[in-house]
Amino acid sequence: MSEWAFITTHGLVLADIAKHPRSTARDIGDAVGVTERTAHKIIIDLEEAGYITKTKVGRKNKYTIHPDMPLADEASDAAVGELLVMLGWKRRRHQPAESVA
């Protein structure tokens, strides 16, 4: 019997980034079961498509998910954030800064 999955490698990489936004490409690849090089290529795809933004923090990267982006899927009009929540992502909300009075 052949192996297959409902979620593509791109979806798995995005889900891992959502859960661990400061992971390295090597960490992401290990978590998803692909090589570091493949993880890096997928990260570039996700960034170019607008699903994530990469920010340099010292010598590492921090990834920001854009949860309101539509899924790249003709069968659904759902946003990527909805899929990530189903995959275990706990969306962090930024707390408003307290005013000093």
N, C-alpha and C. Protein backbone atom coordinates (compact mmCIF):
# COMPACT_ATOMS: atom_id res chain seq x y z
N MET A 1 0.85 -1.18 0.00
CA MET A 1 0.00 0.00 0.00
C MET A 1 0.89 1.24 0.00
N SER A 2 0.57 2.20 -0.85
CA SER A 2 1.38 3.42 -0.92
C SER A 2 1.07 4.36 0.24
N GLU A 3 2.09 5.15 0.61
CA GLU A 3 1.90 6.12 1.68
C GLU A 3 1.39 7.43 1.09
N TRP A 4 0.47 8.06 1.79
CA TRP A 4 -0.03 9.36 1.38
C TRP A 4 -0.53 10.09 2.61
N ALA A 5 -0.80 11.38 2.46
CA ALA A 5 -1.26 12.19 3.58
C ALA A 5 -2.24 13.25 3.07
N PHE A 6 -3.09 13.71 3.96
CA PHE A 6 -4.04 14.76 3.60
C PHE A 6 -3.36 16.13 3.53
N ILE A 7 -2.34 16.32 4.34
CA ILE A 7 -1.66 17.61 4.42
C ILE A 7 -0.33 17.51 3.68
N THR A 8 -0.07 18.46 2.79
CA THR A 8 1.18 18.46 2.04
C THR A 8 2.36 18.82 2.93
N THR A 9 3.55 18.63 2.42
CA THR A 9 4.75 19.01 3.15
C THR A 9 4.75 20.52 3.41
N HIS A 10 4.27 21.30 2.46
CA HIS A 10 4.19 22.75 2.67
C HIS A 10 3.28 23.06 3.87
N GLY A 11 2.17 22.37 3.97
CA GLY A 11 1.26 22.57 5.10
C GLY A 11 1.89 22.16 6.41
N LEU A 12 2.63 21.07 6.40
CA LEU A 12 3.30 20.61 7.62
C LEU A 12 4.39 21.58 8.05
N VAL A 13 5.14 22.12 7.09
CA VAL A 13 6.17 23.10 7.42
C VAL A 13 5.52 24.35 8.00
N LEU A 14 4.44 24.81 7.39
CA LEU A 14 3.74 25.99 7.89
C LEU A 14 3.21 25.75 9.31
N ALA A 15 2.67 24.57 9.55
CA ALA A 15 2.16 24.24 10.89
C ALA A 15 3.30 24.22 11.91
N ASP A 16 4.45 23.68 11.53
CA ASP A 16 5.58 23.64 12.46
C ASP A 16 6.09 25.05 12.74
N ILE A 17 6.14 25.89 11.72
CA ILE A 17 6.55 27.28 11.92
C ILE A 17 5.56 28.00 12.85
N ALA A 18 4.28 27.72 12.67
CA ALA A 18 3.27 28.36 13.53
C ALA A 18 3.47 27.99 14.99
N LYS A 19 3.84 26.75 15.23
CA LYS A 19 4.03 26.28 16.61
C LYS A 19 5.39 26.70 17.18
N HIS A 20 6.39 26.83 16.30
CA HIS A 20 7.76 27.14 16.73
C HIS A 20 8.35 28.21 15.80
N PRO A 21 7.94 29.48 15.99
CA PRO A 21 8.33 30.53 15.04
C PRO A 21 9.82 30.89 15.03
N ARG A 22 10.58 30.37 15.97
CA ARG A 22 12.03 30.66 15.98
C ARG A 22 12.87 29.43 15.62
N SER A 23 12.23 28.41 15.06
CA SER A 23 12.95 27.20 14.65
C SER A 23 13.87 27.47 13.48
N THR A 24 14.93 26.69 13.39
CA THR A 24 15.81 26.75 12.22
C THR A 24 15.24 25.84 11.13
N ALA A 25 15.73 26.01 9.91
CA ALA A 25 15.30 25.13 8.81
C ALA A 25 15.62 23.68 9.13
N ARG A 26 16.74 23.44 9.80
CA ARG A 26 17.10 22.08 10.18
C ARG A 26 16.08 21.51 11.18
N ASP A 27 15.69 22.31 12.18
CA ASP A 27 14.70 21.87 13.16
C ASP A 27 13.36 21.58 12.48
N ILE A 28 12.97 22.46 11.58
CA ILE A 28 11.70 22.29 10.87
C ILE A 28 11.75 21.03 10.01
N GLY A 29 12.83 20.85 9.29
CA GLY A 29 12.98 19.65 8.46
C GLY A 29 12.92 18.38 9.29
N ASP A 30 13.62 18.38 10.43
CA ASP A 30 13.59 17.20 11.31
C ASP A 30 12.18 16.93 11.81
N ALA A 31 11.45 17.97 12.17
CA ALA A 31 10.09 17.80 12.69
C ALA A 31 9.13 17.26 11.64
N VAL A 32 9.34 17.68 10.39
CA VAL A 32 8.42 17.32 9.31
C VAL A 32 8.85 16.06 8.58
N GLY A 33 10.14 15.72 8.68
CA GLY A 33 10.64 14.53 8.01
C GLY A 33 11.20 14.79 6.63
N VAL A 34 11.75 16.00 6.43
CA VAL A 34 12.39 16.33 5.16
C VAL A 34 13.80 16.85 5.48
N THR A 35 14.59 17.01 4.45
CA THR A 35 15.95 17.52 4.65
C THR A 35 15.90 19.02 4.97
N GLU A 36 16.99 19.52 5.52
CA GLU A 36 17.09 20.95 5.80
C GLU A 36 16.95 21.75 4.51
N ARG A 37 17.56 21.26 3.45
CA ARG A 37 17.49 21.95 2.15
C ARG A 37 16.04 22.03 1.64
N THR A 38 15.30 20.94 1.76
CA THR A 38 13.89 20.94 1.34
C THR A 38 13.08 21.88 2.21
N ALA A 39 13.31 21.86 3.52
CA ALA A 39 12.61 22.78 4.43
C ALA A 39 12.89 24.22 4.03
N HIS A 40 14.14 24.52 3.72
CA HIS A 40 14.52 25.88 3.32
C HIS A 40 13.78 26.30 2.05
N LYS A 41 13.69 25.41 1.07
CA LYS A 41 12.99 25.72 -0.18
C LYS A 41 11.50 25.97 0.08
N ILE A 42 10.91 25.17 0.96
CA ILE A 42 9.49 25.35 1.28
C ILE A 42 9.28 26.67 2.02
N ILE A 43 10.18 27.01 2.94
CA ILE A 43 10.09 28.30 3.65
C ILE A 43 10.11 29.44 2.64
N ILE A 44 10.99 29.36 1.65
CA ILE A 44 11.05 30.39 0.61
C ILE A 44 9.73 30.45 -0.15
N ASP A 45 9.17 29.29 -0.52
CA ASP A 45 7.87 29.25 -1.21
C ASP A 45 6.79 29.94 -0.38
N LEU A 46 6.74 29.61 0.92
CA LEU A 46 5.71 30.18 1.81
C LEU A 46 5.89 31.69 1.96
N GLU A 47 7.15 32.13 2.01
CA GLU A 47 7.42 33.56 2.13
C GLU A 47 7.03 34.29 0.85
N GLU A 48 7.41 33.74 -0.29
CA GLU A 48 7.08 34.37 -1.58
C GLU A 48 5.57 34.43 -1.82
N ALA A 49 4.85 33.44 -1.31
CA ALA A 49 3.39 33.41 -1.47
C ALA A 49 2.67 34.30 -0.46
N GLY A 50 3.41 34.83 0.52
CA GLY A 50 2.81 35.75 1.48
C GLY A 50 2.25 35.10 2.74
N TYR A 51 2.49 33.81 2.93
CA TYR A 51 1.96 33.12 4.11
C TYR A 51 2.78 33.39 5.37
N ILE A 52 4.06 33.71 5.20
CA ILE A 52 4.93 34.02 6.34
C ILE A 52 5.82 35.20 5.99
N THR A 53 6.32 35.84 7.04
CA THR A 53 7.36 36.86 6.90
C THR A 53 8.52 36.42 7.77
N LYS A 54 9.71 36.51 7.22
CA LYS A 54 10.93 36.14 7.94
C LYS A 54 11.61 37.41 8.42
N THR A 55 11.95 37.46 9.71
CA THR A 55 12.65 38.59 10.29
C THR A 55 13.93 38.08 10.93
N LYS A 56 15.02 38.74 10.63
CA LYS A 56 16.31 38.36 11.21
C LYS A 56 16.37 38.86 12.65
N VAL A 57 16.69 37.96 13.59
CA VAL A 57 16.86 38.30 15.00
C VAL A 57 18.23 37.76 15.39
N GLY A 58 19.21 38.65 15.41
CA GLY A 58 20.58 38.21 15.64
C GLY A 58 21.03 37.34 14.48
N ARG A 59 21.47 36.12 14.80
CA ARG A 59 21.92 35.20 13.75
C ARG A 59 20.82 34.24 13.32
N LYS A 60 19.65 34.34 13.92
CA LYS A 60 18.55 33.43 13.61
C LYS A 60 17.40 34.18 12.95
N ASN A 61 16.42 33.43 12.51
CA ASN A 61 15.22 34.00 11.91
C ASN A 61 14.04 33.79 12.85
N LYS A 62 13.10 34.72 12.77
CA LYS A 62 11.82 34.57 13.44
C LYS A 62 10.77 34.67 12.34
N TYR A 63 9.82 33.76 12.37
CA TYR A 63 8.79 33.73 11.34
C TYR A 63 7.47 34.23 11.90
N THR A 64 6.77 35.04 11.11
CA THR A 64 5.44 35.51 11.46
C THR A 64 4.47 34.94 10.45
N ILE A 65 3.41 34.31 10.97
CA ILE A 65 2.36 33.74 10.13
C ILE A 65 1.35 34.82 9.78
N HIS A 66 0.85 34.79 8.57
CA HIS A 66 -0.23 35.70 8.16
C HIS A 66 -1.51 34.86 8.04
N PRO A 67 -2.23 34.70 9.17
CA PRO A 67 -3.33 33.75 9.24
C PRO A 67 -4.55 34.10 8.39
N ASP A 68 -4.65 35.32 7.92
CA ASP A 68 -5.81 35.71 7.12
C ASP A 68 -5.63 35.44 5.63
N MET A 69 -4.46 34.95 5.24
CA MET A 69 -4.23 34.61 3.84
C MET A 69 -5.14 33.44 3.45
N PRO A 70 -5.73 33.49 2.27
CA PRO A 70 -6.57 32.36 1.85
C PRO A 70 -5.73 31.13 1.55
N LEU A 71 -6.31 29.97 1.77
CA LEU A 71 -5.63 28.73 1.41
C LEU A 71 -5.45 28.71 -0.11
N ALA A 72 -4.35 28.15 -0.55
CA ALA A 72 -4.11 28.02 -1.99
C ALA A 72 -4.81 26.76 -2.47
N ASP A 73 -6.14 26.80 -2.39
CA ASP A 73 -6.93 25.61 -2.69
C ASP A 73 -8.25 26.06 -3.31
N GLU A 74 -8.54 25.54 -4.46
CA GLU A 74 -9.76 25.91 -5.17
C GLU A 74 -11.03 25.40 -4.46
N ALA A 75 -10.89 24.39 -3.61
CA ALA A 75 -12.04 23.75 -2.99
C ALA A 75 -12.54 24.48 -1.74
N SER A 76 -11.81 25.47 -1.27
CA SER A 76 -12.18 26.12 -0.02
C SER A 76 -11.89 27.60 -0.07
N ASP A 77 -12.70 28.36 0.67
CA ASP A 77 -12.42 29.78 0.81
C ASP A 77 -11.94 30.10 2.23
N ALA A 78 -11.47 29.08 2.94
CA ALA A 78 -10.98 29.25 4.30
C ALA A 78 -9.62 29.96 4.30
N ALA A 79 -9.30 30.55 5.44
CA ALA A 79 -8.00 31.20 5.63
C ALA A 79 -7.01 30.20 6.20
N VAL A 80 -5.75 30.43 5.98
CA VAL A 80 -4.70 29.52 6.44
C VAL A 80 -4.73 29.38 7.97
N GLY A 81 -5.10 30.45 8.68
CA GLY A 81 -5.17 30.39 10.14
C GLY A 81 -6.17 29.35 10.62
N GLU A 82 -7.26 29.17 9.89
CA GLU A 82 -8.26 28.17 10.27
C GLU A 82 -7.68 26.75 10.17
N LEU A 83 -6.91 26.50 9.14
CA LEU A 83 -6.24 25.20 8.99
C LEU A 83 -5.23 25.00 10.11
N LEU A 84 -4.45 26.02 10.41
CA LEU A 84 -3.42 25.90 11.44
C LEU A 84 -4.03 25.62 12.81
N VAL A 85 -5.16 26.23 13.12
CA VAL A 85 -5.84 25.96 14.39
C VAL A 85 -6.24 24.48 14.45
N MET A 86 -6.73 23.94 13.35
CA MET A 86 -7.10 22.52 13.32
C MET A 86 -5.88 21.63 13.52
N LEU A 87 -4.70 22.12 13.15
CA LEU A 87 -3.46 21.35 13.30
C LEU A 87 -2.77 21.61 14.64
N GLY A 88 -3.44 22.34 15.53
CA GLY A 88 -2.91 22.52 16.88
C GLY A 88 -2.29 23.86 17.18
N TRP A 89 -2.39 24.82 16.25
CA TRP A 89 -1.82 26.14 16.48
C TRP A 89 -2.67 26.91 17.46
N LYS A 90 -2.03 27.49 18.45
CA LYS A 90 -2.71 28.36 19.39
C LYS A 90 -2.29 29.79 19.06
N ARG A 91 -3.18 30.48 18.40
CA ARG A 91 -2.88 31.83 17.91
C ARG A 91 -2.60 32.76 19.07
N ARG A 92 -1.48 33.42 19.02
CA ARG A 92 -1.10 34.38 20.06
C ARG A 92 -1.61 35.75 19.65
N ARG A 93 -2.27 36.38 20.55
CA ARG A 93 -2.76 37.74 20.30
C ARG A 93 -1.82 38.73 20.97
N HIS A 94 -1.51 39.79 20.26
CA HIS A 94 -0.65 40.83 20.86
C HIS A 94 -1.49 41.60 21.87
N GLN A 95 -0.94 41.80 23.03
CA GLN A 95 -1.60 42.59 24.06
C GLN A 95 -1.33 44.05 23.79
N PRO A 96 -2.36 44.91 23.91
CA PRO A 96 -2.12 46.33 23.70
C PRO A 96 -1.19 46.87 24.79
N ALA A 97 -0.35 47.81 24.41
CA ALA A 97 0.58 48.40 25.37
C ALA A 97 -0.21 49.20 26.40
N GLU A 98 0.21 49.07 27.65
CA GLU A 98 -0.46 49.81 28.71
C GLU A 98 -0.01 51.25 28.65
N SER A 99 -0.97 52.16 28.80
CA SER A 99 -0.61 53.56 28.77
C SER A 99 -0.11 53.99 30.13
N VAL A 100 0.87 54.85 30.11
CA VAL A 100 1.44 55.37 31.35
C VAL A 100 0.78 56.73 31.59
N ALA A 101 0.04 56.84 32.68
CA ALA A 101 -0.68 58.09 32.96
C ALA A 101 -0.19 58.71 34.24
